[in-house]
Amino acid sequence: MPAMELQAASLQAAPMPDAAVAHVKSNSTEMQRRATATRSAFKRPAVWVMVFGWSLAMCAGFVNAVAFRSWGVFVSHVTGDTTAIGMRIEGYHAGRVDFFPLGLSIALLCSFLCGAFLCGMLVDKNQVHFGGKSFYGIALVGNSGLLVVSMLVPRHQLAACFAAMACGLQNAMCTSHFGAIVRTTHVTGTVTDIGSTTGRMAMIFLRKGFRLSNLNVVERAEVAVDARKLLVLLPMWLSYLVGTVLGAYLETVFDIYALLLPAFVTLSVGLVYMFFRQQLKGYLKRIEQDRLSSDIHDMHETMERTQAYLKTWQGNTKGQQGSGDTEENLVIDLDQEMGNMLEAMHDVEANLMEMCSDTSEHATDQVLRAKSSHL
């Protein structure tokens, strides 16, 4: 047997040192912890929440298409309105533009802002959170009313302002934080998130030669999280697109009165929520309890991972075994875990406060009913 083959055979037969085995196990455990932290960083919302958001996105696309066909302006593009204000200020100063176009752009922006302000007074949470003190029913009915008013106002400019106010009210209603901020009346941010998410996934596969088997556990977790994000974002964009197509077709048939369709949708959902809220209260409470249990479980896991990171860091510091890259990765992981833990704690606190407020309101109602019965 050649000398090189004897050397290879002896190396293969020799057992790995205990330190090497411990190092491999430590790296494997570390990657498992990082993969778990990656998966817990994004929670896909419930199906009914996504359907609610997609429906509102379709209505917003419908309204925007009808508004442009009828009044020549988009009512949900605040970025475009801001750009128009800047350009028209320059044109008005130079004498090329009169004040009316500038005033219209300012009125559209202020109307959108006013609608979002009204929604902030009615809905006290950024996340979609049915139940508690959030008046989603009134907000939806108000959205429908503003669309109806926009159809009845004779002046086109004033009608566009009412439609913009309805868009602002709806957009603030569904500012849902799922690991990504989702808007329902425009899709610039949605398309940006779709592009950046697919870009991250493509880069991971590019580094591994586009072979799924070459991905480690952390990369698989990153791909899985990005895929779940796309399942939220892509239907949101498609819903908006479908709404614009429907709005364009129906506007040619019904003119401005095509807005009755999105007004009817939001009115129906708002009335159902207002009149059947008590019947759905038990179901909503179970959802809140499940979410609270999930948040507590996530917080517990995050605290365990953070404790493990701290122990690893202390061991490396005492033994002077940790390299600069290892310590830097530990600092990054600790910062991420602390952020996840604080976010989970805030969610738990918000859920507990809301459940306690619901309980106190129910107890107050019972006391008032008892007093009234005695009287």
Protein backbone atom coordinates (compact mmCIF):
# COMPACT_ATOMS: atom_id res chain seq x y z
CA MET A 1 0.00 0.00 0.00
CA PRO A 2 1.44 3.43 -0.85
CA ALA A 3 2.56 5.70 1.96
CA MET A 4 -0.09 8.33 1.24
CA GLU A 5 -2.90 5.75 1.44
CA LEU A 6 -1.51 4.46 4.76
CA GLN A 7 -1.43 8.01 6.12
CA ALA A 8 -5.03 8.68 5.00
CA ALA A 9 -6.22 5.42 6.50
CA SER A 10 -4.56 6.19 9.80
CA LEU A 11 -6.11 9.68 9.89
CA GLN A 12 -9.53 8.25 9.11
CA ALA A 13 -9.24 5.61 11.81
CA ALA A 14 -7.99 8.04 14.45
CA PRO A 15 -10.81 9.33 16.65
CA MET A 16 -11.42 13.08 16.88
CA PRO A 17 -10.04 14.76 20.00
CA ASP A 18 -12.54 15.63 22.71
CA ALA A 19 -11.91 19.34 22.22
CA ALA A 20 -12.71 19.07 18.51
CA VAL A 21 -15.91 17.14 19.22
CA ALA A 22 -16.97 19.75 21.79
CA HIS A 23 -16.21 22.53 19.31
CA VAL A 24 -18.36 20.89 16.63
CA LYS A 25 -21.21 20.37 19.07
CA SER A 26 -20.93 23.97 20.27
CA ASN A 27 -21.09 25.29 16.71
CA SER A 28 -24.11 23.08 15.96
CA THR A 29 -25.92 24.26 19.09
CA GLU A 30 -25.06 27.87 18.29
CA MET A 31 -26.48 27.57 14.76
CA GLN A 32 -29.64 25.95 16.12
CA ARG A 33 -30.10 28.87 18.51
CA ARG A 34 -29.58 31.40 15.72
CA ALA A 35 -32.05 29.55 13.49
CA THR A 36 -34.64 29.56 16.27
CA ALA A 37 -34.12 33.29 16.82
CA THR A 38 -34.54 33.91 13.08
CA ARG A 39 -37.82 31.99 12.95
CA SER A 40 -39.21 33.79 15.99
CA ALA A 41 -38.40 37.22 14.52
CA PHE A 42 -41.41 37.02 12.19
CA LYS A 43 -44.92 35.85 12.96
CA ARG A 44 -47.31 35.38 10.10
CA PRO A 45 -50.68 36.87 11.05
CA ALA A 46 -53.85 34.85 11.23
CA VAL A 47 -55.58 34.07 7.95
CA TRP A 48 -58.61 36.23 8.76
CA VAL A 49 -56.35 39.21 9.44
CA MET A 50 -54.62 38.76 6.07
CA VAL A 51 -57.93 38.42 4.25
CA PHE A 52 -59.15 41.60 5.94
CA GLY A 53 -56.04 43.47 4.79
CA TRP A 54 -56.22 42.09 1.25
CA SER A 55 -59.87 43.12 0.97
CA LEU A 56 -59.08 46.67 2.04
CA ALA A 57 -56.17 46.80 -0.43
CA MET A 58 -58.54 45.77 -3.22
CA CYS A 59 -60.99 48.51 -2.21
CA ALA A 60 -58.18 51.08 -2.14
CA GLY A 61 -57.01 50.14 -5.63
CA PHE A 62 -60.60 50.38 -6.82
CA VAL A 63 -61.06 53.86 -5.32
CA ASN A 64 -57.77 55.14 -6.70
CA ALA A 65 -58.55 53.98 -10.24
CA VAL A 66 -62.05 55.48 -10.21
CA ALA A 67 -60.72 58.75 -8.75
CA PHE A 68 -58.13 59.15 -11.48
CA ARG A 69 -60.64 58.34 -14.22
CA SER A 70 -63.24 60.73 -12.79
CA TRP A 71 -61.21 63.63 -11.34
CA GLY A 72 -57.77 63.27 -12.92
CA VAL A 73 -55.95 62.87 -9.56
CA PHE A 74 -54.78 59.98 -7.41
CA VAL A 75 -56.18 60.19 -3.90
CA SER A 76 -53.81 57.88 -2.03
CA HIS A 77 -50.41 59.00 -3.37
CA VAL A 78 -49.18 61.37 -0.69
CA THR A 79 -45.63 61.11 -2.07
CA GLY A 80 -46.87 62.39 -5.42
CA ASP A 81 -48.86 65.16 -3.73
CA THR A 82 -45.80 66.27 -1.78
CA THR A 83 -43.71 66.31 -4.95
CA ALA A 84 -46.43 68.29 -6.74
CA ILE A 85 -46.51 70.83 -3.89
CA GLY A 86 -42.78 71.41 -4.18
CA MET A 87 -42.83 71.74 -7.96
CA ARG A 88 -45.91 73.98 -7.97
CA ILE A 89 -44.43 76.27 -5.33
CA GLU A 90 -41.54 76.88 -7.70
CA GLY A 91 -43.93 77.30 -10.66
CA TYR A 92 -46.17 79.70 -8.73
CA HIS A 93 -43.16 81.77 -7.66
CA ALA A 94 -41.92 81.91 -11.25
CA GLY A 95 -45.37 82.87 -12.53
CA ARG A 96 -45.87 79.76 -14.66
CA VAL A 97 -48.57 78.21 -12.44
CA ASP A 98 -51.51 79.84 -10.68
CA PHE A 99 -52.47 79.03 -7.10
CA PHE A 100 -55.31 76.60 -7.85
CA PRO A 101 -53.18 73.50 -8.71
CA LEU A 102 -50.94 74.20 -5.71
CA GLY A 103 -53.98 74.56 -3.46
CA LEU A 104 -55.43 71.29 -4.76
CA SER A 105 -52.23 69.37 -3.95
CA ILE A 106 -52.13 70.87 -0.46
CA ALA A 107 -55.83 70.07 0.07
CA LEU A 108 -55.36 66.44 -0.98
CA LEU A 109 -52.42 65.99 1.39
CA CYS A 110 -54.25 67.63 4.29
CA SER A 111 -57.36 65.53 3.61
CA PHE A 112 -55.35 62.30 3.74
CA LEU A 113 -53.70 63.50 6.95
CA CYS A 114 -57.09 64.36 8.45
CA GLY A 115 -58.42 60.88 7.69
CA ALA A 116 -55.41 59.26 9.36
CA PHE A 117 -55.88 61.60 12.35
CA LEU A 118 -59.51 60.54 12.72
CA CYS A 119 -58.49 56.90 12.58
CA GLY A 120 -55.91 57.49 15.32
CA MET A 121 -58.71 58.77 17.54
CA LEU A 122 -60.88 55.71 16.83
CA VAL A 123 -58.26 52.93 16.71
CA ASP A 124 -55.67 53.13 19.47
CA LYS A 125 -53.28 50.41 18.24
CA ASN A 126 -50.97 50.09 15.25
CA GLN A 127 -51.56 46.36 14.96
CA VAL A 128 -54.83 44.88 13.76
CA HIS A 129 -56.43 44.13 17.11
CA PHE A 130 -60.16 43.49 17.15
CA GLY A 131 -61.76 43.83 20.52
CA GLY A 132 -61.02 46.17 23.40
CA LYS A 133 -61.56 49.89 22.92
CA SER A 134 -60.76 50.10 19.19
CA PHE A 135 -63.74 51.33 17.16
CA TYR A 136 -63.09 49.48 13.92
CA GLY A 137 -66.78 49.39 13.09
CA ILE A 138 -67.14 53.17 13.29
CA ALA A 139 -63.94 53.64 11.26
CA LEU A 140 -65.20 51.33 8.50
CA VAL A 141 -68.62 52.95 8.42
CA GLY A 142 -66.94 56.36 8.34
CA ASN A 143 -64.81 55.24 5.41
CA SER A 144 -67.93 54.20 3.56
CA GLY A 145 -69.65 57.51 4.38
CA LEU A 146 -66.74 59.55 3.03
CA LEU A 147 -66.84 57.62 -0.25
CA VAL A 148 -70.57 58.23 -0.57
CA VAL A 149 -70.07 61.96 0.12
CA SER A 150 -67.38 62.09 -2.58
CA MET A 151 -69.97 60.84 -5.07
CA LEU A 152 -72.55 63.46 -4.07
CA VAL A 153 -70.34 66.56 -3.90
CA PRO A 154 -70.74 68.58 -7.12
CA ARG A 155 -67.23 70.03 -7.27
CA HIS A 156 -64.65 67.49 -8.46
CA GLN A 157 -61.82 68.95 -6.37
CA LEU A 158 -63.81 68.76 -3.13
CA ALA A 159 -64.97 65.24 -4.01
CA ALA A 160 -61.35 64.15 -4.47
CA CYS A 161 -60.53 65.55 -1.02
CA PHE A 162 -63.27 63.43 0.60
CA ALA A 163 -61.95 60.33 -1.21
CA ALA A 164 -58.41 61.14 -0.04
CA MET A 165 -59.71 61.46 3.52
CA ALA A 166 -61.30 58.01 3.19
CA CYS A 167 -57.95 56.60 2.01
CA GLY A 168 -56.13 58.16 4.96
CA LEU A 169 -58.69 56.73 7.37
CA GLN A 170 -58.34 53.25 5.86
CA ASN A 171 -54.55 53.34 5.62
CA ALA A 172 -54.11 54.19 9.30
CA MET A 173 -56.60 51.47 10.22
CA CYS A 174 -54.36 48.65 9.00
CA THR A 175 -50.84 49.71 9.83
CA SER A 176 -50.00 46.17 10.84
CA HIS A 177 -46.53 45.28 12.09
CA PHE A 178 -45.82 41.65 11.15
CA GLY A 179 -42.08 41.98 10.94
CA ALA A 180 -42.95 44.27 8.03
CA ILE A 181 -45.12 47.37 7.95
CA VAL A 182 -48.10 46.83 5.67
CA ARG A 183 -50.13 49.63 4.07
CA THR A 184 -53.37 49.06 2.19
CA THR A 185 -53.82 52.24 0.11
CA HIS A 186 -50.47 52.27 -1.70
CA VAL A 187 -47.99 49.57 -2.65
CA THR A 188 -44.62 51.35 -2.83
CA GLY A 189 -43.49 49.92 0.49
CA THR A 190 -45.03 46.55 -0.32
CA VAL A 191 -43.15 46.25 -3.62
CA THR A 192 -39.96 47.43 -1.87
CA ASP A 193 -40.32 44.67 0.74
CA ILE A 194 -41.03 42.10 -1.98
CA GLY A 195 -37.88 43.14 -3.87
CA SER A 196 -35.59 43.18 -0.83
CA THR A 197 -36.97 39.87 0.46
CA THR A 198 -36.54 38.05 -2.86
CA GLY A 199 -33.08 39.61 -3.19
CA ARG A 200 -32.01 38.16 0.17
CA MET A 201 -33.33 34.75 -0.80
CA ALA A 202 -31.57 34.88 -4.18
CA MET A 203 -28.25 35.83 -2.55
CA ILE A 204 -28.46 32.91 -0.12
CA PHE A 205 -29.08 30.46 -2.97
CA LEU A 206 -26.39 32.12 -5.11
CA ARG A 207 -23.77 31.58 -2.41
CA LYS A 208 -24.76 27.91 -2.19
CA GLY A 209 -24.88 27.22 -5.92
CA PHE A 210 -28.72 27.23 -6.04
CA ARG A 211 -28.83 23.87 -4.23
CA LEU A 212 -31.17 23.58 -1.28
CA SER A 213 -29.15 20.71 0.18
CA ASN A 214 -26.15 23.01 0.65
CA LEU A 215 -28.00 25.38 2.97
CA ASN A 216 -27.23 25.19 6.68
CA VAL A 217 -29.88 25.37 9.37
CA VAL A 218 -29.63 29.16 9.77
CA GLU A 219 -29.93 29.80 6.04
CA ARG A 220 -32.92 27.46 5.82
CA ALA A 221 -34.58 29.41 8.62
CA GLU A 222 -33.89 32.72 6.83
CA VAL A 223 -35.35 31.40 3.58
CA ALA A 224 -38.42 30.04 5.39
CA VAL A 225 -39.06 33.39 7.13
CA ASP A 226 -38.66 35.34 3.88
CA ALA A 227 -41.03 32.93 2.14
CA ARG A 228 -43.67 33.52 4.84
CA LYS A 229 -43.26 37.27 4.39
CA LEU A 230 -43.84 36.91 0.66
CA LEU A 231 -47.07 35.01 1.38
CA VAL A 232 -48.31 38.18 3.08
CA LEU A 233 -46.87 40.80 0.72
CA LEU A 234 -47.52 39.28 -2.71
CA PRO A 235 -51.29 38.81 -2.19
CA MET A 236 -51.45 42.37 -0.82
CA TRP A 237 -49.97 43.76 -4.03
CA LEU A 238 -52.10 41.48 -6.22
CA SER A 239 -55.24 42.54 -4.34
CA TYR A 240 -54.46 46.20 -5.00
CA LEU A 241 -53.85 45.41 -8.69
CA VAL A 242 -57.12 43.48 -9.00
CA GLY A 243 -58.94 46.39 -7.36
CA THR A 244 -57.54 48.87 -9.89
CA VAL A 245 -58.55 46.62 -12.79
CA LEU A 246 -62.09 46.25 -11.44
CA GLY A 247 -62.32 49.98 -10.77
CA ALA A 248 -61.21 50.85 -14.30
CA TYR A 249 -63.75 48.50 -15.87
CA LEU A 250 -66.69 49.47 -13.68
CA GLU A 251 -65.96 53.20 -13.97
CA THR A 252 -66.55 52.99 -17.71
CA VAL A 253 -70.01 51.55 -17.01
CA PHE A 254 -71.19 53.33 -13.83
CA ASP A 255 -69.00 56.45 -13.89
CA ILE A 256 -68.35 57.87 -10.39
CA TYR A 257 -71.10 55.71 -8.91
CA ALA A 258 -68.75 52.73 -9.20
CA LEU A 259 -67.49 53.88 -5.77
CA LEU A 260 -70.66 52.37 -4.34
CA LEU A 261 -68.98 48.95 -4.47
CA PRO A 262 -66.07 49.67 -2.08
CA ALA A 263 -68.41 51.80 0.02
CA PHE A 264 -70.79 48.85 0.33
CA VAL A 265 -67.95 46.47 1.25
CA THR A 266 -66.57 48.66 4.04
CA LEU A 267 -70.08 49.51 5.28
CA SER A 268 -71.05 45.84 5.46
CA VAL A 269 -67.92 44.83 7.35
CA GLY A 270 -68.30 47.79 9.71
CA LEU A 271 -71.95 47.05 10.49
CA VAL A 272 -71.26 43.35 11.03
CA TYR A 273 -68.48 44.24 13.46
CA MET A 274 -70.64 46.78 15.30
CA PHE A 275 -73.77 44.65 15.69
CA PHE A 276 -72.19 41.23 16.18
CA ARG A 277 -69.27 42.31 18.31
CA GLN A 278 -70.75 40.88 21.50
CA GLN A 279 -71.46 37.54 19.81
CA LEU A 280 -67.88 37.42 18.58
CA LYS A 281 -66.43 38.54 21.89
CA GLY A 282 -65.81 35.01 23.14
CA TYR A 283 -64.07 34.05 19.93
CA LEU A 284 -61.96 37.20 19.98
CA LYS A 285 -61.07 36.61 23.63
CA ARG A 286 -59.84 33.10 22.85
CA ILE A 287 -57.69 34.55 20.08
CA GLU A 288 -56.25 37.06 22.54
CA GLN A 289 -55.52 34.34 25.08
CA ASP A 290 -53.80 32.18 22.47
CA ARG A 291 -51.72 35.13 21.33
CA LEU A 292 -50.80 35.93 24.93
CA SER A 293 -49.71 32.33 25.54
CA SER A 294 -47.65 32.41 22.36
CA ASP A 295 -46.00 35.70 23.35
CA ILE A 296 -45.12 34.35 26.81
CA HIS A 297 -43.67 31.21 25.24
CA ASP A 298 -41.59 33.25 22.79
CA MET A 299 -40.36 35.50 25.58
CA HIS A 300 -39.34 32.46 27.64
CA GLU A 301 -37.41 30.97 24.72
CA THR A 302 -35.73 34.30 24.00
CA MET A 303 -34.61 34.65 27.62
CA GLU A 304 -33.17 31.12 27.55
CA ARG A 305 -31.24 31.85 24.36
CA THR A 306 -29.96 35.13 25.81
CA GLN A 307 -28.79 33.33 28.94
CA ALA A 308 -26.97 30.77 26.79
CA TYR A 309 -25.26 33.55 24.83
CA LEU A 310 -24.14 35.21 28.05
CA LYS A 311 -22.69 31.95 29.39
CA THR A 312 -20.81 31.38 26.14
CA TRP A 313 -19.46 34.92 26.21
CA GLN A 314 -18.36 34.59 29.83
CA GLY A 315 -16.62 31.30 29.07
CA ASN A 316 -14.76 32.78 26.14
CA THR A 317 -13.77 35.83 28.17
CA LYS A 318 -12.42 33.79 31.09
CA GLY A 319 -10.54 31.31 28.95
CA GLN A 320 -9.44 33.91 26.40
CA GLN A 321 -10.52 31.44 23.73
CA GLY A 322 -12.92 33.64 21.77
CA SER A 323 -11.63 35.30 18.66
CA GLY A 324 -12.63 38.80 17.62
CA ASP A 325 -15.13 37.49 15.05
CA THR A 326 -16.74 35.17 17.60
CA GLU A 327 -17.17 37.99 20.12
CA GLU A 328 -18.58 40.27 17.43
CA ASN A 329 -21.12 37.60 16.41
CA LEU A 330 -22.10 37.12 20.04
CA VAL A 331 -22.66 40.86 20.47
CA ILE A 332 -24.87 40.92 17.34
CA ASP A 333 -26.83 37.87 18.50
CA LEU A 334 -27.28 39.32 21.97
CA ASP A 335 -28.52 42.60 20.56
CA GLN A 336 -31.02 40.76 18.35
CA GLU A 337 -32.22 38.57 21.20
CA MET A 338 -32.65 41.55 23.53
CA GLY A 339 -34.70 43.30 20.85
CA ASN A 340 -36.89 40.22 20.39
CA MET A 341 -37.31 39.86 24.15
CA LEU A 342 -38.30 43.50 24.62
CA GLU A 343 -40.77 43.31 21.74
CA ALA A 344 -42.31 40.15 23.17
CA MET A 345 -42.53 41.74 26.63
CA HIS A 346 -44.27 44.80 25.18
CA ASP A 347 -46.76 42.56 23.38
CA VAL A 348 -47.45 40.63 26.57
CA GLU A 349 -47.89 43.88 28.51
CA ALA A 350 -50.29 45.28 25.90
CA ASN A 351 -52.35 42.08 25.81
CA LEU A 352 -52.53 41.88 29.61
CA MET A 353 -53.56 45.52 29.90
CA GLU A 354 -56.28 45.09 27.31
CA MET A 355 -57.60 41.87 28.89
CA CYS A 356 -57.63 43.58 32.30
CA SER A 357 -59.45 46.60 30.88
CA ASP A 358 -62.05 44.32 29.28
CA THR A 359 -62.51 42.51 32.60
CA SER A 360 -62.89 45.78 34.52
CA GLU A 361 -65.38 47.12 31.97
CA HIS A 362 -67.41 43.92 32.26
CA ALA A 363 -67.35 44.14 36.07
CA THR A 364 -68.41 47.79 35.94
CA ASP A 365 -71.31 46.92 33.65
CA GLN A 366 -72.44 44.20 36.05
CA VAL A 367 -72.31 46.61 39.02
CA LEU A 368 -74.31 49.22 37.14
CA ARG A 369 -76.90 46.64 36.12
CA ALA A 370 -77.17 45.43 39.72
CA LYS A 371 -77.68 48.99 40.99
CA SER A 372 -80.28 49.71 38.35
CA SER A 373 -82.15 46.52 39.18
CA HIS A 374 -82.25 47.46 42.90
CA LEU A 375 -83.56 50.89 42.00
